[in-house]
Protein backbone atom coordinates (compact mmCIF):
# COMPACT_ATOMS: atom_id res chain seq x y z
CA UNK A 1 -28.93 10.34 36.51
CA UNK A 2 -28.77 6.74 37.75
CA UNK A 3 -32.18 7.18 39.40
CA UNK A 4 -33.71 8.33 36.09
CA UNK A 5 -32.35 5.27 34.32
CA UNK A 6 -33.86 3.03 36.97
CA UNK A 7 -37.25 4.65 36.47
CA UNK A 8 -37.08 4.15 32.66
CA UNK A 9 -35.93 0.53 32.85
CA UNK A 10 -39.42 -1.01 33.38
CA UNK A 11 -40.74 1.05 30.46
CA UNK A 12 -38.07 -0.29 28.08
CA UNK A 13 -38.62 -3.86 29.31
CA UNK A 14 -42.32 -3.48 28.56
CA UNK A 15 -41.50 -2.40 25.01
CA UNK A 16 -39.25 -5.41 24.54
CA UNK A 17 -42.01 -7.77 25.64
CA UNK A 18 -44.65 -6.26 23.35
CA UNK A 19 -45.13 -8.24 20.15
CA UNK A 20 -42.84 -11.10 21.25
CA UNK A 21 -43.75 -14.72 21.94
CA UNK A 22 -42.95 -14.55 25.63
CA UNK A 23 -44.72 -17.13 27.82
CA UNK A 24 -47.69 -17.56 25.46
CA UNK A 25 -48.38 -21.23 24.67
CA UNK A 26 -50.26 -22.13 21.47
CA UNK A 27 -51.59 -25.59 20.62
CA UNK A 28 -50.74 -26.80 18.03
CA UNK A 29 -47.37 -25.06 18.32
CA UNK A 30 -46.61 -24.88 14.58
CA UNK A 31 -46.49 -21.42 12.97
CA UNK A 32 -48.54 -22.79 10.03
CA UNK A 33 -51.61 -24.95 10.75
CA UNK A 34 -53.43 -26.77 7.94
CA UNK A 35 -57.15 -27.56 7.88
CA UNK A 36 -59.00 -29.42 5.13
CA UNK A 37 -61.68 -27.70 3.08
CA UNK A 38 -64.98 -28.17 4.90
CA UNK A 39 -63.19 -29.43 8.00
CA UNK A 40 -62.73 -28.03 11.48
CA UNK A 41 -59.69 -27.04 13.53
CA UNK A 42 -59.17 -25.80 17.07
CA UNK A 43 -56.42 -23.42 18.18
CA UNK A 44 -55.79 -22.94 21.88
CA UNK A 45 -53.75 -20.09 23.38
CA UNK A 46 -52.69 -20.04 27.08
CA UNK A 47 -50.92 -17.55 29.29
CA UNK A 48 -49.77 -17.79 32.90
CA UNK A 49 -48.74 -14.67 34.81
CA UNK A 50 -46.25 -14.56 37.64
CA UNK A 51 -47.45 -13.59 41.09
CA UNK A 52 -51.13 -12.83 41.56
CA UNK A 53 -51.71 -10.94 38.33
CA UNK A 54 -54.70 -12.11 36.29
CA UNK A 55 -53.84 -12.98 32.64
CA UNK A 56 -55.88 -11.76 29.70
CA UNK A 57 -55.84 -13.82 26.47
CA UNK A 58 -57.77 -13.24 23.23
CA UNK A 59 -57.57 -14.48 19.63
CA UNK A 60 -57.73 -11.82 16.92
CA UNK A 61 -57.84 -12.07 13.14
CA UNK A 62 -59.93 -11.33 10.08
CA UNK A 63 -63.41 -10.35 11.21
CA UNK A 64 -65.15 -12.31 8.46
CA UNK A 65 -63.40 -15.64 9.11
CA UNK A 66 -62.15 -15.57 12.67
CA UNK A 67 -64.38 -18.44 13.76
CA UNK A 68 -65.87 -19.12 17.17
CA UNK A 69 -63.79 -17.77 20.05
CA UNK A 70 -64.28 -18.77 23.68
CA UNK A 71 -62.05 -17.10 26.27
CA UNK A 72 -61.71 -17.42 30.01
CA UNK A 73 -59.02 -16.75 32.60
CA UNK A 74 -55.67 -17.50 31.03
CA UNK A 75 -57.00 -19.31 27.94
CA UNK A 76 -58.63 -18.54 24.59
CA UNK A 77 -59.92 -21.21 22.19
CA UNK A 78 -60.50 -20.47 18.50
CA UNK A 79 -62.54 -23.04 16.56
CA UNK A 80 -62.91 -22.87 12.78
CA UNK A 81 -65.96 -24.80 11.52
CA UNK A 82 -66.62 -25.87 7.90
CA UNK A 83 -63.48 -24.14 6.68
CA UNK A 84 -63.63 -22.42 3.30
CA UNK A 85 -60.69 -21.16 1.29
CA UNK A 86 -61.49 -17.62 2.43
CA UNK A 87 -60.80 -18.71 6.03
CA UNK A 88 -57.09 -18.93 5.28
CA UNK A 89 -54.93 -16.21 6.80
CA UNK A 90 -53.21 -15.11 10.00
CA UNK A 91 -54.65 -15.60 13.47
CA UNK A 92 -53.11 -13.59 16.29
CA UNK A 93 -53.24 -14.46 19.96
CA UNK A 94 -52.67 -11.45 22.23
CA UNK A 95 -52.09 -11.92 25.96
CA UNK A 96 -51.21 -9.56 28.75
CA UNK A 97 -50.00 -9.72 32.30
CA UNK A 98 -50.59 -6.27 33.72
CA UNK A 99 -48.57 -3.86 31.60
CA UNK A 100 -46.70 -6.65 29.78
CA UNK A 101 -48.14 -7.67 26.39
CA UNK A 102 -47.31 -10.84 24.46
CA UNK A 103 -48.26 -11.96 20.95
CA UNK A 104 -48.18 -15.14 18.83
CA UNK A 105 -49.21 -15.40 15.17
CA UNK A 106 -50.49 -18.58 13.51
CA UNK A 107 -51.01 -18.83 9.76
CA UNK A 108 -54.13 -20.88 8.93
CA UNK A 109 -53.80 -22.84 5.66
CA UNK A 110 -56.90 -24.37 4.03
CA UNK A 111 -56.27 -27.25 1.61
CA UNK A 112 -58.35 -29.61 -0.52
CA UNK A 113 -57.13 -33.13 -1.27
CA UNK A 114 -60.03 -35.55 -1.79
CA UNK A 115 -59.51 -39.17 -2.78
CA UNK A 116 -60.27 -38.48 -6.45
CA UNK A 117 -57.64 -39.89 -8.79
CA UNK A 118 -58.14 -41.00 -12.40
CA UNK A 119 -55.66 -42.68 -14.72
CA UNK A 120 -55.47 -43.01 -18.49
CA UNK A 121 -55.51 -45.67 -19.74
CA UNK A 122 -57.42 -47.44 -16.96
CA UNK A 123 -55.40 -50.60 -17.71
CA UNK A 124 -52.10 -51.02 -19.53
CA UNK A 125 -51.43 -53.71 -22.13
CA UNK A 126 -47.94 -55.13 -21.81
CA UNK A 127 -45.57 -54.22 -24.70
CA UNK A 128 -48.27 -52.03 -26.27
CA UNK A 129 -49.12 -49.00 -24.09
CA UNK A 130 -46.17 -46.71 -23.45
CA UNK A 131 -47.77 -43.48 -22.16
CA UNK A 132 -49.76 -43.10 -18.94
CA UNK A 133 -51.40 -40.08 -17.27
CA UNK A 134 -52.66 -39.55 -13.73
CA UNK A 135 -55.00 -36.75 -12.64
CA UNK A 136 -55.80 -35.46 -9.14
CA UNK A 137 -59.17 -33.68 -9.01
CA UNK A 138 -60.48 -30.83 -6.83
CA UNK A 139 -57.17 -30.04 -5.14
CA UNK A 140 -55.44 -26.97 -3.71
CA UNK A 141 -52.68 -25.83 -3.25
CA UNK A 142 -51.12 -27.12 -6.47
CA UNK A 143 -47.51 -25.99 -6.25
CA UNK A 144 -44.98 -28.82 -6.85
CA UNK A 145 -43.73 -28.36 -3.29
CA UNK A 146 -47.22 -29.09 -1.92
CA UNK A 147 -48.66 -31.56 -4.47
CA UNK A 148 -46.67 -34.25 -6.28
CA UNK A 149 -47.70 -37.13 -8.55
CA UNK A 150 -45.54 -40.20 -9.07
CA UNK A 151 -45.68 -43.64 -10.67
CA UNK A 152 -44.97 -46.57 -8.36
CA UNK A 153 -43.92 -50.17 -8.82
CA UNK A 154 -44.59 -51.83 -5.49
CA UNK A 155 -43.68 -49.30 -2.81
CA UNK A 156 -40.98 -47.52 -4.86
CA UNK A 157 -41.02 -45.08 -7.75
CA UNK A 158 -40.80 -46.79 -11.13
CA UNK A 159 -37.29 -46.39 -12.49
CA UNK A 160 -36.63 -45.21 -16.03
CA UNK A 161 -39.87 -43.23 -16.51
CA UNK A 162 -39.69 -40.05 -18.56
CA UNK A 163 -41.79 -37.09 -17.39
CA UNK A 164 -43.81 -35.62 -20.27
CA UNK A 165 -45.24 -32.59 -18.48
CA UNK A 166 -47.67 -31.30 -15.87
CA UNK A 167 -51.00 -29.57 -16.58
CA UNK A 168 -53.01 -27.50 -14.08
CA UNK A 169 -56.60 -26.52 -14.93
CA UNK A 170 -59.48 -25.01 -13.00
CA UNK A 171 -62.10 -27.49 -11.88
CA UNK A 172 -65.70 -26.41 -12.58
CA UNK A 173 -67.31 -25.61 -9.23
CA UNK A 174 -70.77 -24.69 -8.03
CA UNK A 175 -69.54 -22.91 -4.89
CA UNK A 176 -67.15 -20.04 -4.34
CA UNK A 177 -64.05 -22.14 -3.67
CA UNK A 178 -61.67 -22.34 -6.64
CA UNK A 179 -60.16 -25.82 -6.98
CA UNK A 180 -57.93 -27.39 -9.62
CA UNK A 181 -57.17 -30.64 -11.41
CA UNK A 182 -53.53 -31.53 -11.88
CA UNK A 183 -52.39 -34.04 -14.53
CA UNK A 184 -48.97 -35.62 -14.76
CA UNK A 185 -47.90 -37.64 -17.84
CA UNK A 186 -45.07 -40.16 -18.20
CA UNK A 187 -43.46 -42.27 -20.91
CA UNK A 188 -42.99 -45.80 -19.60
CA UNK A 189 -39.77 -47.78 -19.85
CA UNK A 190 -39.84 -51.47 -20.88
CA UNK A 191 -41.62 -53.30 -18.04
CA UNK A 192 -39.66 -56.53 -18.39
CA UNK A 193 -40.69 -60.13 -18.94
CA UNK A 194 -42.97 -61.03 -17.36
CA UNK A 195 -44.31 -57.54 -16.73
CA UNK A 196 -45.51 -56.57 -13.24
CA UNK A 197 -49.22 -57.16 -12.54
CA UNK A 198 -49.91 -53.60 -11.40
CA UNK A 199 -48.49 -50.10 -11.34
CA UNK A 200 -49.82 -47.38 -9.04
CA UNK A 201 -50.31 -43.65 -9.40
CA UNK A 202 -49.57 -41.90 -6.11
CA UNK A 203 -50.64 -38.36 -5.28
CA UNK A 204 -48.97 -36.79 -2.24
CA UNK A 205 -49.89 -33.59 -0.43
CA UNK A 206 -47.13 -32.27 1.86
CA UNK A 207 -48.06 -29.44 4.20
CA UNK A 208 -46.62 -28.23 7.50
CA UNK A 209 -47.33 -30.86 10.12
CA UNK A 210 -48.93 -33.50 7.89
CA UNK A 211 -48.47 -35.61 4.79
CA UNK A 212 -51.36 -37.19 2.85
CA UNK A 213 -51.30 -39.68 -0.02
CA UNK A 214 -53.81 -41.41 -2.28
CA UNK A 215 -53.21 -44.35 -4.63
CA UNK A 216 -54.89 -45.52 -7.83
CA UNK A 217 -53.96 -48.93 -9.31
CA UNK A 218 -53.17 -49.37 -13.01
CA UNK A 219 -53.47 -53.06 -13.94
CA UNK A 220 -51.00 -54.41 -16.50
CA UNK A 221 -52.85 -56.86 -18.77
CA UNK A 222 -51.04 -59.84 -20.29
CA UNK A 223 -51.76 -60.85 -23.88
CA UNK A 224 -51.15 -64.60 -23.67
CA UNK A 225 -51.43 -67.30 -26.38
CA UNK A 226 -52.37 -70.15 -24.05
CA UNK A 227 -55.84 -71.67 -24.38
CA UNK A 228 -56.23 -71.58 -20.61
CA UNK A 229 -58.51 -68.72 -19.52
CA UNK A 230 -55.78 -66.34 -18.24
CA UNK A 231 -56.51 -63.63 -15.70
CA UNK A 232 -54.47 -60.63 -14.75
CA UNK A 233 -54.61 -60.17 -11.00
CA UNK A 234 -53.48 -57.38 -8.73
CA UNK A 235 -54.05 -58.71 -5.21
CA UNK A 236 -53.30 -55.51 -3.30
CA UNK A 237 -54.92 -53.15 -5.81
CA UNK A 238 -58.42 -51.76 -5.56
CA UNK A 239 -60.56 -49.74 -8.01
CA UNK A 240 -61.42 -47.48 -5.09
CA UNK A 241 -58.85 -45.06 -3.81
CA UNK A 242 -56.84 -45.95 -0.77
CA UNK A 243 -55.67 -43.13 1.48
CA UNK A 244 -53.03 -42.80 4.12
CA UNK A 245 -52.57 -39.98 6.62
CA UNK A 246 -49.19 -39.89 8.27
CA UNK A 247 -48.67 -36.91 10.58
CA UNK A 248 -45.03 -35.99 10.91
CA UNK A 249 -45.24 -35.45 14.64
CA UNK A 250 -46.45 -36.98 16.85
CA UNK A 251 -47.07 -40.49 15.52
CA UNK A 252 -45.47 -43.88 14.94
CA UNK A 253 -42.44 -44.13 12.65
CA UNK A 254 -43.37 -44.73 9.01
CA UNK A 255 -41.71 -48.13 8.84
CA UNK A 256 -43.82 -49.78 11.52
CA UNK A 257 -45.18 -52.91 9.82
CA UNK A 258 -47.28 -53.95 12.81
CA UNK A 259 -49.79 -51.20 12.02
CA UNK A 260 -50.43 -52.38 8.46
CA UNK A 261 -53.96 -53.68 7.87
CA UNK A 262 -54.64 -57.25 6.80
CA UNK A 263 -55.47 -57.37 3.09
CA UNK A 264 -57.29 -60.00 1.02
CA UNK A 265 -55.82 -61.63 -2.08
CA UNK A 266 -57.51 -63.09 -5.15
CA UNK A 267 -56.29 -66.33 -6.75
CA UNK A 268 -57.62 -68.11 -9.84
CA UNK A 269 -57.60 -71.73 -10.93
CA UNK A 270 -59.24 -73.67 -13.78
CA UNK A 271 -62.57 -75.33 -13.04
CA UNK A 272 -64.74 -77.70 -15.12
CA UNK A 273 -66.29 -75.56 -17.81
CA UNK A 274 -64.93 -72.31 -16.43
CA UNK A 275 -62.79 -70.65 -13.80
CA UNK A 276 -62.80 -70.52 -9.99
CA UNK A 277 -61.85 -67.30 -8.22
CA UNK A 278 -60.80 -67.51 -4.58
CA UNK A 279 -60.67 -64.45 -2.29
CA UNK A 280 -58.86 -65.18 0.97
CA UNK A 281 -56.95 -63.43 3.74
CA UNK A 282 -54.41 -64.89 6.15
CA UNK A 283 -55.77 -62.94 9.10
CA UNK A 284 -56.85 -63.72 12.62
CA UNK A 285 -60.31 -64.96 13.58
CA UNK A 286 -63.38 -62.81 13.18
CA UNK A 287 -62.69 -61.72 9.56
CA UNK A 288 -65.15 -62.27 6.71
CA UNK A 289 -64.55 -62.01 2.95
CA UNK A 290 -67.33 -61.30 0.46
CA UNK A 291 -67.61 -60.53 -3.25
CA UNK A 292 -68.84 -57.00 -3.93
CA UNK A 293 -68.48 -56.56 -7.71
CA UNK A 294 -68.49 -58.69 -10.86
CA UNK A 295 -69.16 -57.93 -14.56
CA UNK A 296 -72.87 -58.27 -15.24
CA UNK A 297 -73.79 -58.47 -11.54
CA UNK A 298 -73.04 -61.03 -8.85
CA UNK A 299 -76.27 -62.93 -9.49
CA UNK A 300 -74.75 -64.33 -12.72
CA UNK A 301 -72.18 -66.37 -10.76
CA UNK A 302 -72.07 -69.17 -8.22
CA UNK A 303 -70.72 -67.96 -4.85
CA UNK A 304 -69.70 -69.52 -1.56
CA UNK A 305 -68.67 -67.26 1.33
CA UNK A 306 -67.49 -68.58 4.69
CA UNK A 307 -65.31 -66.57 7.06
CA UNK A 308 -62.15 -65.19 5.47
CA UNK A 309 -62.71 -67.33 2.34
CA UNK A 310 -65.00 -66.47 -0.58
CA UNK A 311 -65.34 -68.51 -3.79
CA UNK A 312 -66.83 -67.40 -7.09
CA UNK A 313 -67.26 -69.68 -10.10
CA UNK A 314 -67.29 -68.36 -13.66
CA UNK A 315 -68.98 -70.76 -16.12
CA UNK A 316 -68.18 -69.97 -19.76
CA UNK A 317 -71.51 -71.47 -20.87
CA UNK A 318 -73.43 -68.85 -18.84
CA UNK A 319 -71.45 -65.67 -19.40
CA UNK A 320 -68.42 -64.16 -21.07
CA UNK A 321 -67.34 -61.62 -18.41
CA UNK A 322 -65.37 -58.49 -19.09
CA UNK A 323 -64.03 -56.18 -16.39
CA UNK A 324 -63.40 -56.04 -12.65
CA UNK A 325 -64.05 -58.63 -9.97
CA UNK A 326 -63.75 -57.21 -6.46
CA UNK A 327 -63.91 -58.65 -2.96
CA UNK A 328 -63.97 -57.00 0.47
CA UNK A 329 -62.62 -57.99 3.88
CA UNK A 330 -64.50 -56.94 7.02
CA UNK A 331 -64.01 -55.45 9.48
CA UNK A 332 -61.68 -52.90 7.98
CA UNK A 333 -63.06 -52.69 4.43
CA UNK A 334 -59.80 -53.71 2.71
CA UNK A 335 -60.31 -54.49 -0.99
CA UNK A 336 -58.75 -56.71 -3.64
CA UNK A 337 -59.53 -56.70 -7.35
CA UNK A 338 -58.99 -58.85 -10.43
CA UNK A 339 -59.43 -58.05 -14.11
CA UNK A 340 -60.52 -60.58 -16.74
CA UNK A 341 -59.02 -59.91 -20.15
CA UNK A 342 -62.11 -60.04 -22.38
CA UNK A 343 -60.59 -61.13 -25.68
CA UNK A 344 -58.82 -64.09 -24.10
CA UNK A 345 -61.01 -64.85 -21.11
CA UNK A 346 -62.70 -67.95 -22.55
CA UNK A 347 -61.24 -70.96 -24.38
CA UNK A 348 -62.02 -71.29 -28.06
CA UNK A 349 -65.27 -73.07 -28.94
CA UNK A 350 -64.82 -76.57 -30.42
CA UNK A 351 -65.83 -76.96 -34.07
CA UNK A 352 -69.33 -78.39 -33.60
CA UNK A 353 -69.85 -79.07 -37.34
CA UNK A 354 -66.86 -81.41 -37.50
CA UNK A 355 -68.64 -84.48 -36.02
CA UNK A 356 -71.70 -84.53 -38.36
CA UNK A 357 -69.47 -83.98 -41.39
CA UNK A 358 -67.10 -86.77 -40.36
CA UNK A 359 -70.09 -89.12 -39.88
CA UNK A 360 -71.39 -88.48 -43.39
CA UNK A 361 -67.97 -89.03 -44.94
CA UNK A 362 -67.55 -92.26 -42.98
CA UNK A 363 -70.91 -93.61 -44.19
CA UNK A 364 -70.10 -92.75 -47.80
CA UNK A 365 -66.71 -94.45 -47.56
CA UNK A 366 -68.31 -97.55 -45.99
CA UNK A 367 -70.91 -97.74 -48.77
CA UNK A 368 -68.20 -97.40 -51.43
CA UNK A 369 -66.09 -100.13 -49.82
CA UNK A 370 -69.10 -102.50 -49.52
CA UNK A 371 -69.97 -101.97 -53.18
CA UNK A 372 -66.43 -102.75 -54.33
CA UNK A 373 -66.24 -105.90 -52.20
CA UNK A 374 -69.64 -107.06 -53.47
CA UNK A 375 -68.62 -106.65 -57.13
CA UNK A 376 -65.32 -108.47 -56.57
CA UNK A 377 -66.69 -111.32 -54.52
CA UNK A 378 -70.02 -112.03 -56.32
CA UNK A 379 -70.19 -115.35 -58.26
CA UNK A 380 -69.74 -115.14 -61.99
CA UNK A 381 -73.00 -115.52 -63.90
């Protein structure tokens, strides 16, 4: 009886090893691996056998979307190229050492999260606009656990906002992949006095092993009564979307300020007959600032660019600009933007008809006074 049990023991051990992880090593080791739509990802499976037994390793999965597989002794590499949404699904690595079989399953997740954010309105007017909406385009998945939209003041969520709802709609596509646009709406609280120069809409995609975010600035325009040509500036904002990719592991801790890029800032000051805009960056040597956008085209303005300093002069006699001014810092491509408020961007014109009218009145009064003096002082006849 004991001898029979000893003969059956290897058989039962083989059954226990079948379908279990065992010594199989998969890179990346996460059970769910995300790949962007149209992107590529490589999965590597390794197996080492004890003694002199030769390992056998092979990836298996859906025949239509398995990808390119290259296997050799003890290793199998699966590469997914130009991933489509249909490529999502399980991938199974099967390895064997003689009669022992091992298995690891990886779930491939395909996502879409392009830097395509729009906001409405494109600029807020202080003490006037109360509702704001932000839309992320051509995204998937769209569950609240995966995709979130928030309104930021600085690097924190704006306090006191009231969520008005979330809309998910299909995005019209030419291909087979079904993508969505997600819109979040908020009711703003009072922004204080003075109001902040800029709010930001942030879209965040959280998936196993990675976290992505995009930002879209929302300038807050000031309606001032001063005759100075006021400008609303948002030094760290940019009309283009800024993206960050912060893998959860491995990678530097999220609070590491030494990795932050150098950013330009835009300042404004009055100039004779207009306004001077100054784009500068307190960076090390080798940086250059340049103007890339202005209402009506850059050729309508006087510019001086030298190193990390770029000047642009707005002359009211030449133009009455409306819209975005933007400058760029290279290398790195960091942007800064400034918005001229059109209805208050230029000082009021002086009343040109006042001087001729005053001259005529003065001449008439002088003639009247001369006539009266002549009548009073002439000798009696």
